Amino acid sequence: MNFERPTRRTANGFDTFDLAVDLLVDAGLDHYEWKDEDEYAHVRRLGIITDTEHRAVDAAREETLGMLASRTGVFADADRWATWRWNQAWPTPHLPGPAEVAEGAASTSG
């Protein structure tokens, strides 16, 4: 689970901001670990993540662990997702070429 600021739509696309800390949960939901705690502490020391934002991250961490314990929220369908597999008959998706991106951006910007 990635902790990040809410994604914002801008004139040029989307702005995202990763808050450095992540929660790794095994498929059976029996074990979890926090990832990149050292990076999170570093961005806190640098002031990139404010005290107010830190309190919000701590609250979100507690809320997430509560959902994990009760198997609710994003963890409610974990059994179904643990058995999900890519269907080999599905076509491989592809990204548009540069011309398609420019045309798409021009047609949706106004």
N, C-alpha and C. Protein backbone atom coordinates (compact mmCIF):
# COMPACT_ATOMS: atom_id res chain seq x y z
N MET A 1 0.86 -1.15 0.00
CA MET A 1 0.00 0.00 0.00
C MET A 1 0.90 1.22 0.00
N ASN A 2 0.65 2.10 -0.93
CA ASN A 2 1.46 3.30 -1.10
C ASN A 2 0.79 4.48 -0.39
N PHE A 3 1.55 5.21 0.39
CA PHE A 3 1.03 6.41 1.04
C PHE A 3 1.52 7.60 0.22
N GLU A 4 0.56 8.41 -0.23
CA GLU A 4 0.89 9.56 -1.08
C GLU A 4 -0.14 10.65 -0.88
N ARG A 5 0.24 11.86 -1.29
CA ARG A 5 -0.73 12.95 -1.29
C ARG A 5 -1.78 12.65 -2.35
N PRO A 6 -2.98 13.21 -2.20
CA PRO A 6 -4.00 12.99 -3.23
C PRO A 6 -3.50 13.47 -4.60
N THR A 7 -3.80 12.71 -5.63
CA THR A 7 -3.44 13.07 -7.00
C THR A 7 -4.24 14.30 -7.41
N ARG A 8 -3.57 15.23 -8.06
CA ARG A 8 -4.23 16.46 -8.52
C ARG A 8 -4.16 16.54 -10.03
N ARG A 9 -5.27 16.86 -10.65
CA ARG A 9 -5.32 17.08 -12.10
C ARG A 9 -4.79 18.47 -12.38
N THR A 10 -3.91 18.60 -13.36
CA THR A 10 -3.39 19.90 -13.76
C THR A 10 -3.58 20.06 -15.27
N ALA A 11 -3.25 21.21 -15.78
CA ALA A 11 -3.37 21.46 -17.22
C ALA A 11 -2.43 20.54 -18.02
N ASN A 12 -1.35 20.09 -17.39
CA ASN A 12 -0.37 19.25 -18.09
C ASN A 12 -0.52 17.76 -17.81
N GLY A 13 -1.47 17.39 -16.96
CA GLY A 13 -1.63 15.97 -16.63
C GLY A 13 -2.02 15.80 -15.18
N PHE A 14 -1.23 15.03 -14.44
CA PHE A 14 -1.52 14.75 -13.04
C PHE A 14 -0.28 14.99 -12.20
N ASP A 15 -0.48 15.59 -11.03
CA ASP A 15 0.60 15.77 -10.07
C ASP A 15 0.42 14.74 -8.96
N THR A 16 1.50 14.03 -8.67
CA THR A 16 1.50 13.07 -7.58
C THR A 16 2.67 13.38 -6.66
N PHE A 17 2.58 12.92 -5.41
CA PHE A 17 3.67 13.12 -4.47
C PHE A 17 3.69 11.95 -3.51
N ASP A 18 4.69 11.11 -3.65
CA ASP A 18 4.84 9.93 -2.80
C ASP A 18 5.36 10.36 -1.43
N LEU A 19 4.76 9.84 -0.38
CA LEU A 19 5.16 10.20 0.97
C LEU A 19 6.22 9.27 1.55
N ALA A 20 6.84 8.48 0.71
CA ALA A 20 8.02 7.67 1.03
C ALA A 20 7.74 6.39 1.79
N VAL A 21 6.71 6.34 2.61
CA VAL A 21 6.47 5.14 3.40
C VAL A 21 5.41 4.26 2.72
N ASP A 22 5.61 2.95 2.79
CA ASP A 22 4.69 2.00 2.18
C ASP A 22 4.43 0.86 3.16
N LEU A 23 3.30 0.20 2.97
CA LEU A 23 2.96 -0.97 3.76
C LEU A 23 2.93 -2.18 2.84
N LEU A 24 3.74 -3.18 3.16
CA LEU A 24 3.75 -4.43 2.40
C LEU A 24 2.95 -5.46 3.19
N VAL A 25 1.98 -6.09 2.54
CA VAL A 25 1.13 -7.08 3.18
C VAL A 25 1.18 -8.35 2.35
N ASP A 26 1.38 -9.50 3.01
CA ASP A 26 1.43 -10.75 2.25
C ASP A 26 0.03 -11.11 1.74
N ALA A 27 -0.03 -12.00 0.77
CA ALA A 27 -1.29 -12.35 0.11
C ALA A 27 -2.32 -12.92 1.08
N GLY A 28 -1.87 -13.59 2.11
CA GLY A 28 -2.79 -14.17 3.09
C GLY A 28 -3.23 -13.18 4.16
N LEU A 29 -2.72 -11.98 4.11
CA LEU A 29 -3.00 -10.91 5.07
C LEU A 29 -2.57 -11.27 6.49
N ASP A 30 -1.62 -12.19 6.60
CA ASP A 30 -1.17 -12.64 7.91
C ASP A 30 0.07 -11.90 8.40
N HIS A 31 0.77 -11.26 7.50
CA HIS A 31 2.01 -10.58 7.87
C HIS A 31 2.10 -9.26 7.11
N TYR A 32 2.58 -8.25 7.77
CA TYR A 32 2.82 -6.97 7.10
C TYR A 32 4.12 -6.38 7.62
N GLU A 33 4.67 -5.47 6.84
CA GLU A 33 5.84 -4.73 7.28
C GLU A 33 5.84 -3.35 6.63
N TRP A 34 6.37 -2.39 7.37
CA TRP A 34 6.50 -1.04 6.85
C TRP A 34 7.79 -0.97 6.04
N LYS A 35 7.72 -0.34 4.90
CA LYS A 35 8.86 -0.21 4.00
C LYS A 35 9.29 1.26 3.95
N ASP A 36 10.58 1.50 3.87
CA ASP A 36 11.15 2.83 3.67
C ASP A 36 10.93 3.79 4.83
N GLU A 37 10.91 3.24 6.04
CA GLU A 37 10.78 4.09 7.23
C GLU A 37 11.94 5.09 7.32
N ASP A 38 13.14 4.66 6.91
CA ASP A 38 14.29 5.56 6.96
C ASP A 38 14.12 6.73 6.00
N GLU A 39 13.60 6.48 4.81
CA GLU A 39 13.35 7.57 3.86
C GLU A 39 12.28 8.52 4.39
N TYR A 40 11.25 7.96 5.01
CA TYR A 40 10.19 8.79 5.58
C TYR A 40 10.77 9.70 6.67
N ALA A 41 11.58 9.13 7.53
CA ALA A 41 12.21 9.94 8.60
C ALA A 41 13.09 11.04 7.99
N HIS A 42 13.77 10.73 6.90
CA HIS A 42 14.63 11.71 6.25
C HIS A 42 13.82 12.88 5.67
N VAL A 43 12.74 12.59 4.97
CA VAL A 43 11.93 13.68 4.40
C VAL A 43 11.23 14.47 5.50
N ARG A 44 10.98 13.83 6.64
CA ARG A 44 10.45 14.56 7.80
C ARG A 44 11.50 15.54 8.31
N ARG A 45 12.75 15.06 8.45
CA ARG A 45 13.83 15.95 8.93
C ARG A 45 14.03 17.13 7.99
N LEU A 46 13.88 16.88 6.70
CA LEU A 46 14.06 17.95 5.71
C LEU A 46 12.88 18.92 5.68
N GLY A 47 11.79 18.58 6.33
CA GLY A 47 10.61 19.44 6.35
C GLY A 47 9.73 19.29 5.13
N ILE A 48 9.99 18.30 4.30
CA ILE A 48 9.18 18.08 3.10
C ILE A 48 7.79 17.61 3.50
N ILE A 49 7.73 16.82 4.56
CA ILE A 49 6.45 16.40 5.12
C ILE A 49 6.29 17.17 6.43
N THR A 50 5.27 18.00 6.48
CA THR A 50 5.04 18.88 7.63
C THR A 50 4.53 18.08 8.83
N ASP A 51 4.51 18.71 9.99
CA ASP A 51 3.96 18.07 11.19
C ASP A 51 2.48 17.73 10.99
N THR A 52 1.75 18.63 10.37
CA THR A 52 0.33 18.39 10.10
C THR A 52 0.16 17.18 9.18
N GLU A 53 0.95 17.13 8.13
CA GLU A 53 0.86 16.01 7.21
C GLU A 53 1.31 14.71 7.89
N HIS A 54 2.31 14.80 8.74
CA HIS A 54 2.78 13.63 9.48
C HIS A 54 1.65 13.06 10.36
N ARG A 55 0.91 13.94 11.02
CA ARG A 55 -0.22 13.47 11.83
C ARG A 55 -1.26 12.77 10.96
N ALA A 56 -1.49 13.30 9.75
CA ALA A 56 -2.44 12.66 8.83
C ALA A 56 -1.92 11.30 8.37
N VAL A 57 -0.62 11.20 8.13
CA VAL A 57 -0.03 9.91 7.73
C VAL A 57 -0.16 8.91 8.88
N ASP A 58 0.12 9.35 10.10
CA ASP A 58 -0.03 8.44 11.25
C ASP A 58 -1.48 7.97 11.39
N ALA A 59 -2.43 8.86 11.20
CA ALA A 59 -3.84 8.47 11.28
C ALA A 59 -4.19 7.49 10.17
N ALA A 60 -3.67 7.73 8.97
CA ALA A 60 -3.93 6.82 7.85
C ALA A 60 -3.29 5.46 8.09
N ARG A 61 -2.13 5.44 8.71
CA ARG A 61 -1.48 4.17 9.06
C ARG A 61 -2.37 3.37 10.00
N GLU A 62 -2.86 4.03 11.06
CA GLU A 62 -3.73 3.35 12.02
C GLU A 62 -5.01 2.86 11.36
N GLU A 63 -5.59 3.70 10.51
CA GLU A 63 -6.82 3.31 9.80
C GLU A 63 -6.56 2.09 8.91
N THR A 64 -5.42 2.09 8.24
CA THR A 64 -5.06 0.98 7.36
C THR A 64 -4.87 -0.31 8.15
N LEU A 65 -4.17 -0.24 9.28
CA LEU A 65 -3.98 -1.43 10.10
C LEU A 65 -5.31 -1.94 10.66
N GLY A 66 -6.23 -1.02 10.95
CA GLY A 66 -7.58 -1.42 11.38
C GLY A 66 -8.32 -2.16 10.29
N MET A 67 -8.23 -1.66 9.05
CA MET A 67 -8.87 -2.35 7.93
C MET A 67 -8.24 -3.72 7.70
N LEU A 68 -6.93 -3.80 7.85
CA LEU A 68 -6.24 -5.07 7.69
C LEU A 68 -6.72 -6.07 8.73
N ALA A 69 -6.79 -5.64 9.98
CA ALA A 69 -7.22 -6.53 11.06
C ALA A 69 -8.65 -7.01 10.88
N SER A 70 -9.52 -6.13 10.39
CA SER A 70 -10.93 -6.49 10.23
C SER A 70 -11.28 -6.99 8.83
N ARG A 71 -10.27 -7.02 7.95
CA ARG A 71 -10.46 -7.48 6.56
C ARG A 71 -11.57 -6.67 5.88
N THR A 72 -11.51 -5.36 6.04
CA THR A 72 -12.47 -4.45 5.42
C THR A 72 -11.73 -3.51 4.48
N GLY A 73 -12.48 -2.61 3.85
CA GLY A 73 -11.87 -1.63 2.95
C GLY A 73 -11.12 -2.31 1.82
N VAL A 74 -9.92 -1.87 1.58
CA VAL A 74 -9.13 -2.42 0.47
C VAL A 74 -8.76 -3.89 0.68
N PHE A 75 -8.91 -4.39 1.89
CA PHE A 75 -8.56 -5.78 2.18
C PHE A 75 -9.77 -6.71 2.14
N ALA A 76 -10.95 -6.19 1.88
CA ALA A 76 -12.18 -7.00 1.93
C ALA A 76 -12.19 -8.13 0.90
N ASP A 77 -11.65 -7.90 -0.28
CA ASP A 77 -11.69 -8.91 -1.35
C ASP A 77 -10.33 -9.56 -1.57
N ALA A 78 -9.51 -9.60 -0.54
CA ALA A 78 -8.14 -10.11 -0.69
C ALA A 78 -8.10 -11.56 -1.16
N ASP A 79 -9.01 -12.39 -0.68
CA ASP A 79 -9.01 -13.81 -1.10
C ASP A 79 -9.23 -13.93 -2.60
N ARG A 80 -10.15 -13.14 -3.11
CA ARG A 80 -10.43 -13.19 -4.55
C ARG A 80 -9.24 -12.68 -5.35
N TRP A 81 -8.62 -11.60 -4.91
CA TRP A 81 -7.48 -11.04 -5.64
C TRP A 81 -6.25 -11.93 -5.55
N ALA A 82 -6.10 -12.68 -4.47
CA ALA A 82 -4.93 -13.55 -4.30
C ALA A 82 -4.89 -14.65 -5.35
N THR A 83 -6.05 -15.01 -5.90
CA THR A 83 -6.09 -16.07 -6.91
C THR A 83 -6.20 -15.53 -8.33
N TRP A 84 -6.24 -14.20 -8.49
CA TRP A 84 -6.38 -13.61 -9.81
C TRP A 84 -5.15 -13.88 -10.66
N ARG A 85 -5.38 -14.21 -11.91
CA ARG A 85 -4.29 -14.41 -12.86
C ARG A 85 -4.65 -13.75 -14.18
N TRP A 86 -3.64 -13.27 -14.87
CA TRP A 86 -3.81 -12.68 -16.20
C TRP A 86 -4.31 -13.75 -17.16
N ASN A 87 -5.31 -13.42 -17.94
CA ASN A 87 -5.85 -14.34 -18.94
C ASN A 87 -4.95 -14.26 -20.17
N GLN A 88 -4.30 -15.35 -20.53
CA GLN A 88 -3.35 -15.36 -21.64
C GLN A 88 -4.01 -15.02 -22.98
N ALA A 89 -5.32 -15.14 -23.07
CA ALA A 89 -6.03 -14.82 -24.31
C ALA A 89 -6.22 -13.30 -24.49
N TRP A 90 -6.03 -12.53 -23.44
CA TRP A 90 -6.19 -11.09 -23.54
C TRP A 90 -5.07 -10.49 -24.38
N PRO A 91 -5.39 -9.51 -25.23
CA PRO A 91 -4.33 -8.88 -26.02
C PRO A 91 -3.42 -8.04 -25.12
N THR A 92 -2.18 -7.92 -25.54
CA THR A 92 -1.23 -7.12 -24.79
C THR A 92 -1.55 -5.65 -25.00
N PRO A 93 -1.74 -4.89 -23.92
CA PRO A 93 -2.02 -3.45 -24.08
C PRO A 93 -0.77 -2.72 -24.57
N HIS A 94 -0.98 -1.60 -25.24
CA HIS A 94 0.16 -0.81 -25.69
C HIS A 94 -0.10 0.67 -25.42
N LEU A 95 0.97 1.39 -25.20
CA LEU A 95 0.87 2.83 -25.00
C LEU A 95 0.82 3.50 -26.36
N PRO A 96 0.13 4.63 -26.47
CA PRO A 96 0.09 5.34 -27.74
C PRO A 96 1.46 5.92 -28.07
N GLY A 97 1.70 6.11 -29.36
CA GLY A 97 2.95 6.74 -29.80
C GLY A 97 2.91 8.22 -29.51
N PRO A 98 4.03 8.91 -29.67
CA PRO A 98 4.09 10.35 -29.37
C PRO A 98 3.05 11.18 -30.12
N ALA A 99 2.78 10.87 -31.39
CA ALA A 99 1.80 11.65 -32.15
C ALA A 99 0.41 11.47 -31.56
N GLU A 100 0.09 10.26 -31.13
CA GLU A 100 -1.23 10.02 -30.54
C GLU A 100 -1.38 10.75 -29.22
N VAL A 101 -0.32 10.81 -28.46
CA VAL A 101 -0.36 11.53 -27.19
C VAL A 101 -0.58 13.01 -27.42
N ALA A 102 0.17 13.58 -28.37
CA ALA A 102 0.04 15.01 -28.66
C ALA A 102 -1.35 15.34 -29.17
N GLU A 103 -1.90 14.50 -30.05
CA GLU A 103 -3.24 14.75 -30.57
C GLU A 103 -4.27 14.65 -29.46
N GLY A 104 -4.15 13.63 -28.60
CA GLY A 104 -5.08 13.45 -27.51
C GLY A 104 -5.03 14.60 -26.53
N ALA A 105 -3.82 15.07 -26.23
CA ALA A 105 -3.67 16.18 -25.29
C ALA A 105 -4.27 17.45 -25.86
N ALA A 106 -4.08 17.67 -27.17
CA ALA A 106 -4.61 18.88 -27.80
C ALA A 106 -6.13 18.87 -27.81
N SER A 107 -6.73 17.70 -28.02
CA SER A 107 -8.19 17.65 -28.15
C SER A 107 -8.88 17.72 -26.80
N THR A 108 -8.17 17.44 -25.69
CA THR A 108 -8.82 17.46 -24.39
C THR A 108 -8.44 18.67 -23.55
N SER A 109 -7.55 19.50 -24.05
CA SER A 109 -7.07 20.62 -23.23
C SER A 109 -8.00 21.82 -23.24
N GLY A 110 -8.94 21.90 -24.15
CA GLY A 110 -9.76 23.10 -24.22
C GLY A 110 -11.08 22.88 -23.70
